[in-house]
Protein backbone atom coordinates (compact mmCIF):
# COMPACT_ATOMS: atom_id res chain seq x y z
CA MET A 1 0.00 0.00 0.00
CA THR A 2 1.45 3.35 -0.97
CA HIS A 3 0.65 6.80 0.37
CA LEU A 4 1.73 10.25 -0.73
CA SER A 5 5.48 10.11 -0.46
CA PRO A 6 7.68 13.21 -0.09
CA THR A 7 8.39 12.96 -3.81
CA SER A 8 4.67 12.92 -4.59
CA GLU A 9 4.02 15.90 -2.36
CA ASP A 10 6.78 17.77 -4.18
CA THR A 11 4.98 16.96 -7.44
CA VAL A 12 1.71 18.37 -6.10
CA THR A 13 3.39 21.54 -4.93
CA ALA A 14 5.16 22.01 -8.22
CA ASN A 15 1.87 21.80 -10.13
CA ARG A 16 0.12 24.39 -7.95
CA PRO A 17 0.44 28.10 -8.66
CA PRO A 18 2.51 29.62 -5.81
CA ASN A 19 -0.22 32.20 -5.08
CA LYS A 20 -3.16 29.80 -5.34
CA ASN A 21 -4.46 30.32 -1.81
CA GLY A 22 -3.96 34.07 -2.09
CA LEU A 23 -5.97 34.18 -5.33
CA MET A 24 -8.84 32.29 -3.74
CA ARG A 25 -8.90 34.53 -0.67
CA GLY A 26 -8.64 37.63 -2.86
CA ALA A 27 -11.55 36.55 -5.07
CA ALA A 28 -13.70 35.77 -2.03
CA ALA A 29 -12.92 39.15 -0.44
CA ALA A 30 -13.56 41.00 -3.72
CA ALA A 31 -16.99 39.36 -3.98
CA VAL A 32 -17.93 40.59 -0.50
CA VAL A 33 -16.82 44.15 -1.31
CA VAL A 34 -18.67 44.22 -4.64
CA ALA A 35 -21.85 42.72 -3.15
CA THR A 36 -21.85 45.31 -0.35
CA PHE A 37 -21.45 48.15 -2.86
CA LEU A 38 -24.30 46.76 -4.99
CA ILE A 39 -26.60 46.50 -1.97
CA VAL A 40 -26.07 50.18 -1.14
CA ILE A 41 -26.72 51.56 -4.63
CA LYS A 42 -29.65 49.21 -5.34
CA ALA A 43 -31.28 50.06 -2.02
CA ILE A 44 -31.13 53.73 -3.00
CA ALA A 45 -32.55 52.92 -6.45
CA PHE A 46 -35.45 50.95 -4.94
CA ALA A 47 -36.23 53.67 -2.38
CA VAL A 48 -36.41 56.24 -5.18
CA SER A 49 -38.21 54.17 -7.84
CA GLY A 50 -40.33 51.65 -5.90
CA SER A 51 -39.71 49.09 -8.65
CA VAL A 52 -40.26 45.49 -7.61
CA ALA A 53 -37.81 44.43 -10.33
CA VAL A 54 -35.16 46.59 -8.66
CA LEU A 55 -36.25 45.06 -5.33
CA GLY A 56 -35.65 41.62 -6.81
CA SER A 57 -32.19 42.64 -7.93
CA LEU A 58 -31.55 44.11 -4.45
CA VAL A 59 -32.65 40.89 -2.77
CA ASP A 60 -30.36 38.92 -5.06
CA SER A 61 -27.43 41.17 -4.11
CA VAL A 62 -28.19 40.62 -0.42
CA LEU A 63 -28.11 36.88 -1.08
CA ASP A 64 -24.87 37.26 -3.01
CA ALA A 65 -23.31 39.13 -0.08
CA PHE A 66 -24.47 36.45 2.36
CA ALA A 67 -23.16 33.67 0.13
CA SER A 68 -19.86 35.48 -0.47
CA ILE A 69 -19.30 36.09 3.25
CA ILE A 70 -19.91 32.41 3.95
CA ASN A 71 -17.54 31.49 1.13
CA LEU A 72 -14.89 33.83 2.50
CA PHE A 73 -14.87 32.11 5.88
CA ALA A 74 -15.36 28.65 4.36
CA ILE A 75 -12.41 29.09 1.99
CA ARG A 76 -10.15 30.30 4.79
CA HIS A 77 -11.09 27.28 6.89
CA SER A 78 -10.98 24.74 4.05
CA LEU A 79 -7.46 25.85 3.06
CA GLN A 80 -6.14 24.86 6.47
CA PRO A 81 -3.97 21.73 6.23
CA ALA A 82 -5.07 18.38 7.61
CA ASP A 83 -4.49 17.95 11.33
CA ALA A 84 -4.66 15.19 13.93
CA GLU A 85 -8.44 15.49 14.25
CA HIS A 86 -9.19 16.01 10.56
CA ARG A 87 -6.89 13.65 8.68
CA PHE A 88 -8.69 14.25 5.37
CA GLY A 89 -8.51 18.04 5.64
CA HIS A 90 -11.28 20.63 6.02
CA GLY A 91 -12.59 20.74 2.45
CA LYS A 92 -16.16 19.76 3.32
CA VAL A 93 -16.63 23.07 5.11
CA GLU A 94 -17.40 24.50 1.67
CA ALA A 95 -20.19 21.95 1.14
CA LEU A 96 -21.70 22.61 4.57
CA ALA A 97 -21.68 26.33 3.83
CA GLY A 98 -23.39 25.60 0.51
CA LEU A 99 -26.29 23.87 2.23
CA GLY A 100 -26.78 26.91 4.46
CA GLN A 101 -26.68 29.18 1.42
CA ALA A 102 -29.27 27.11 -0.41
CA ALA A 103 -31.70 27.24 2.53
CA PHE A 104 -31.32 31.00 3.01
CA ILE A 105 -31.62 31.72 -0.71
CA SER A 106 -34.78 29.62 -1.02
CA GLY A 107 -36.48 31.50 1.82
CA SER A 108 -35.58 34.91 0.41
CA ALA A 109 -36.78 33.93 -3.05
CA ALA A 110 -40.12 32.86 -1.59
CA ILE A 111 -40.52 36.31 0.05
CA LEU A 112 -39.73 38.05 -3.24
CA LEU A 113 -42.18 35.80 -5.10
CA PHE A 114 -44.94 36.68 -2.62
CA GLU A 115 -44.20 40.43 -2.94
CA SER A 116 -44.20 40.25 -6.74
CA VAL A 117 -47.51 38.37 -6.94
CA SER A 118 -49.13 40.82 -4.51
CA ARG A 119 -48.20 43.70 -6.85
CA PHE A 120 -50.76 42.39 -9.35
CA TRP A 121 -53.51 43.34 -6.87
CA ARG A 122 -51.70 46.29 -5.29
CA PRO A 123 -49.76 47.88 -8.16
CA VAL A 124 -47.15 50.50 -7.28
CA ALA A 125 -46.11 53.09 -9.84
CA VAL A 126 -42.45 53.02 -10.84
CA GLU A 127 -40.86 56.45 -10.47
CA ALA A 128 -37.47 57.97 -11.28
CA GLY A 129 -36.87 55.25 -13.84
CA GLY A 130 -33.92 57.05 -15.37
CA PHE A 131 -32.07 57.17 -12.06
CA ALA A 132 -32.81 53.50 -11.37
CA ILE A 133 -31.61 52.52 -14.85
CA GLY A 134 -28.35 54.41 -14.28
CA VAL A 135 -27.80 52.58 -11.00
CA ILE A 136 -28.37 49.18 -12.64
CA VAL A 137 -25.97 50.06 -15.46
CA VAL A 138 -23.27 50.86 -12.89
CA ALA A 139 -24.07 47.60 -11.09
CA THR A 140 -23.71 45.69 -14.36
CA VAL A 141 -20.26 47.14 -15.09
CA VAL A 142 -19.00 46.41 -11.56
CA THR A 143 -20.42 42.88 -11.64
CA LEU A 144 -18.81 42.19 -15.02
CA GLY A 145 -15.42 43.13 -13.60
CA LEU A 146 -15.89 40.76 -10.66
CA VAL A 147 -17.01 37.88 -12.92
CA LEU A 148 -13.92 38.28 -15.12
CA PHE A 149 -11.67 38.22 -12.06
CA GLN A 150 -13.46 35.15 -10.67
CA ARG A 151 -13.09 33.38 -14.01
CA TYR A 152 -9.34 34.04 -13.92
CA VAL A 153 -9.10 32.66 -10.38
CA VAL A 154 -11.09 29.53 -11.27
CA GLN A 155 -8.80 28.91 -14.26
CA LYS A 156 -5.72 29.20 -12.03
CA THR A 157 -7.00 27.30 -8.99
CA GLY A 158 -9.99 25.14 -10.01
CA SER A 159 -11.80 26.31 -6.86
CA ILE A 160 -15.31 24.89 -6.57
CA ALA A 161 -16.25 27.55 -4.01
CA ILE A 162 -15.25 30.45 -6.28
CA ARG A 163 -16.96 28.79 -9.24
CA ALA A 164 -20.18 28.43 -7.24
CA ASP A 165 -19.97 32.02 -6.00
CA SER A 166 -19.41 33.23 -9.55
CA LEU A 167 -22.64 31.50 -10.58
CA HIS A 168 -24.59 34.17 -8.69
CA TYR A 169 -22.81 37.07 -10.31
CA ARG A 170 -22.96 35.67 -13.85
CA GLY A 171 -26.70 35.39 -13.37
CA ASP A 172 -26.76 38.95 -12.08
CA LEU A 173 -25.52 40.20 -15.43
CA LEU A 174 -28.60 38.78 -17.17
CA MET A 175 -30.81 39.82 -14.29
CA ASN A 176 -29.61 43.42 -14.49
CA LEU A 177 -30.46 43.54 -18.18
CA SER A 178 -33.97 42.26 -17.42
CA VAL A 179 -34.39 44.90 -14.72
CA ILE A 180 -33.35 47.65 -17.14
CA LEU A 181 -35.88 46.33 -19.66
CA ALA A 182 -38.62 46.23 -17.01
CA LEU A 183 -37.87 49.82 -15.96
CA VAL A 184 -37.93 51.08 -19.54
CA LEU A 185 -41.21 49.35 -20.34
CA SER A 186 -42.80 50.52 -17.08
CA THR A 187 -41.71 54.16 -17.16
CA GLN A 188 -41.56 54.90 -20.88
CA PHE A 189 -44.42 52.79 -22.21
CA GLY A 190 -46.67 52.53 -19.15
CA TRP A 191 -46.62 48.74 -19.05
CA GLY A 192 -46.99 48.52 -15.27
CA MET A 193 -47.58 44.76 -15.14
CA VAL A 194 -44.13 44.11 -16.61
CA ASP A 195 -42.48 45.07 -13.30
CA PRO A 196 -44.08 42.34 -11.12
CA ILE A 197 -43.72 39.81 -13.96
CA PHE A 198 -39.97 40.40 -14.03
CA GLY A 199 -39.96 40.20 -10.22
CA ILE A 200 -41.52 36.74 -10.41
CA GLY A 201 -38.98 35.68 -13.04
CA ILE A 202 -36.11 36.84 -10.84
CA ALA A 203 -37.54 34.95 -7.85
CA LEU A 204 -37.75 31.74 -9.88
CA TYR A 205 -34.19 32.23 -11.10
CA ILE A 206 -32.99 32.62 -7.50
CA LEU A 207 -34.78 29.39 -6.54
CA TRP A 208 -33.11 27.60 -9.46
CA SER A 209 -29.71 28.85 -8.30
CA ALA A 210 -30.44 27.54 -4.79
CA VAL A 211 -31.18 24.09 -6.25
CA GLN A 212 -27.85 24.09 -8.13
CA ILE A 213 -25.93 25.04 -4.98
CA PHE A 214 -27.73 22.32 -3.00
CA ARG A 215 -26.86 19.67 -5.59
CA ILE A 216 -23.16 20.60 -5.60
CA ALA A 217 -22.99 20.61 -1.79
CA TYR A 218 -24.96 17.36 -1.48
CA ASP A 219 -22.72 15.54 -3.96
CA GLN A 220 -19.61 16.50 -2.01
CA LEU A 221 -21.04 15.54 1.37
CA MET A 222 -22.21 12.19 -0.02
CA ASP A 223 -18.78 11.47 -1.57
CA ARG A 224 -20.10 11.28 -5.11
CA GLU A 225 -17.73 9.64 -7.59
CA LEU A 226 -15.86 11.72 -10.16
CA PRO A 227 -17.43 12.00 -13.64
CA ASP A 228 -16.98 8.92 -15.81
CA GLN A 229 -14.50 10.66 -18.11
CA ASP A 230 -12.19 11.40 -15.17
CA ARG A 231 -12.47 7.85 -13.86
CA GLU A 232 -11.63 6.49 -17.32
CA LYS A 233 -8.62 8.79 -17.47
CA ILE A 234 -7.34 7.42 -14.15
CA LYS A 235 -7.83 3.86 -15.39
CA ARG A 236 -5.90 4.55 -18.60
CA ILE A 237 -3.04 6.05 -16.63
CA ALA A 238 -2.83 3.03 -14.31
CA LEU A 239 -3.14 0.38 -17.03
CA SER A 240 -0.60 2.11 -19.31
CA GLN A 241 2.17 1.71 -16.71
CA GLU A 242 4.57 -1.12 -17.52
CA GLY A 243 4.17 -3.95 -15.04
CA VAL A 244 0.48 -3.30 -14.24
CA LEU A 245 -1.53 -6.32 -15.37
CA ASP A 246 -4.95 -5.05 -14.30
CA MET A 247 -6.72 -2.92 -11.71
CA HIS A 248 -9.96 -2.91 -9.75
CA ASP A 249 -11.85 -1.22 -6.91
CA LEU A 250 -11.24 2.32 -8.16
CA ARG A 251 -12.87 4.76 -5.74
CA THR A 252 -12.86 8.53 -5.99
CA ARG A 253 -14.35 11.46 -4.10
CA THR A 254 -13.78 15.16 -3.58
CA SER A 255 -13.62 17.33 -0.48
CA GLY A 256 -13.34 21.01 -1.33
CA LEU A 257 -10.35 21.29 -3.65
CA GLN A 258 -8.94 17.95 -2.51
CA LEU A 259 -9.44 14.85 -4.65
CA PHE A 260 -9.04 11.38 -3.14
CA VAL A 261 -8.23 8.36 -5.35
CA GLN A 262 -8.03 4.75 -4.17
CA MET A 263 -7.40 1.65 -6.28
CA HIS A 264 -5.99 -1.88 -6.33
CA LEU A 265 -3.25 -2.70 -8.85
CA GLU A 266 -2.75 -6.29 -9.99
CA LEU A 267 0.96 -7.08 -10.43
CA ASP A 268 3.08 -10.13 -11.21
CA PRO A 269 3.10 -12.21 -7.98
CA GLU A 270 6.81 -12.98 -8.53
CA LEU A 271 7.84 -9.30 -8.40
CA PRO A 272 10.07 -8.25 -5.50
CA LEU A 273 8.35 -5.93 -3.04
CA VAL A 274 10.69 -3.08 -3.95
CA GLU A 275 9.77 -3.37 -7.65
CA ALA A 276 6.03 -3.52 -6.85
CA HIS A 277 6.40 -0.39 -4.76
CA ARG A 278 8.28 1.37 -7.58
CA ILE A 279 5.53 0.57 -10.08
CA SER A 280 2.87 1.89 -7.70
CA ASP A 281 4.85 5.07 -7.15
CA ASP A 282 5.11 5.58 -10.92
CA VAL A 283 1.33 5.19 -11.30
CA GLU A 284 0.78 7.57 -8.40
CA ARG A 285 3.12 10.16 -9.89
CA GLN A 286 1.36 10.06 -13.28
CA ILE A 287 -2.06 10.44 -11.65
CA LEU A 288 -0.74 13.46 -9.72
CA ASP A 289 0.51 14.96 -12.99
CA ALA A 290 -3.06 14.73 -14.36
CA PHE A 291 -4.81 15.63 -11.08
CA PRO A 292 -2.39 17.83 -9.07
CA ASP A 293 -4.70 18.18 -6.04
CA ALA A 294 -5.20 14.43 -5.60
CA GLU A 295 -4.22 12.24 -2.71
CA VAL A 296 -3.61 8.75 -4.05
CA LEU A 297 -3.82 5.51 -2.11
CA ILE A 298 -2.78 2.32 -3.96
CA HIS A 299 -2.92 -1.29 -2.80
CA GLN A 300 -0.81 -3.88 -4.66
CA ASP A 301 -2.40 -7.27 -5.32
CA PRO A 302 -0.62 -10.33 -6.76
CA ALA A 303 -2.46 -11.11 -10.00
CA GLY A 304 -4.68 -14.16 -9.63
CA PHE A 305 -4.67 -14.08 -5.81
CA GLU A 306 -6.59 -10.91 -5.04
CA ASP A 307 -9.92 -10.93 -3.25
CA PRO A 308 -12.95 -10.36 -5.49
CA PRO A 309 -13.80 -6.68 -5.94
CA SER A 310 -16.33 -5.15 -3.60
CA PRO A 311 -19.86 -5.20 -5.10
CA LEU A 312 -20.05 -1.46 -4.34
CA ALA A 313 -16.82 -0.61 -6.18
CA ARG A 314 -16.81 0.57 -9.79
CA SER A 315 -13.73 -0.65 -11.61
């Protein structure tokens, strides 16, 4: 059985950008700052205009701020190294935070949906549409800048937390355009019913986002296997190594940024132990080249003598 050796850890470190943790923390902090700014200007726009579409956008920014604050603390905690009490690290903090986000977002979306529907019976005139439109345009430009920065960070780090947080803000770009359209139609063309209709659409979008966050968090907490294409890639790497006759019991899971890979390699039963260990180390090193954030655990079996694979294992 082989664990991450010092050589393997050196390989992981070499494949990680030196400022990876700093990029993740910076992106999380930037999201909190941007969300706070958007809350302030949208609250002013709603107070002046009374638009329920602007209210929907304001509610979404409040949710974004809440989610981003949670992500900020979750990322800081998840980046802490494994310790004596948490041998597999702290990566699942991100998933736990995601469940909390999903619950909070769902409740807020329900409140917005109720307010929007009630506007059909208690319509409120939209005022100062030009000012509100200007505010939303500013919000769109600021949000676009944040999304581009988050995309850069995800490309450099592969952070699931930043990718999930960016989901909110990418949706905000489309949402802001819908709010601008609702304001124009309400103030310039007198189509008052457009405002609550867009409010309902925004509420449904927020609920959909909550479902996506819940699914991501649930999959991590339940140790869902990697996608089939990644599992096949790991198999090809293992079976391409000279000396490996076969493999079975491949198991994978993720915890935050950390990937865990376990497998059994079938080797010639006449091989010396040192040679079997060398082959396993070579397989491990190649897997780390393809998945730099992986922790690989390999068990060597003599071909023809191994126990039958577990019925729960996918090989």
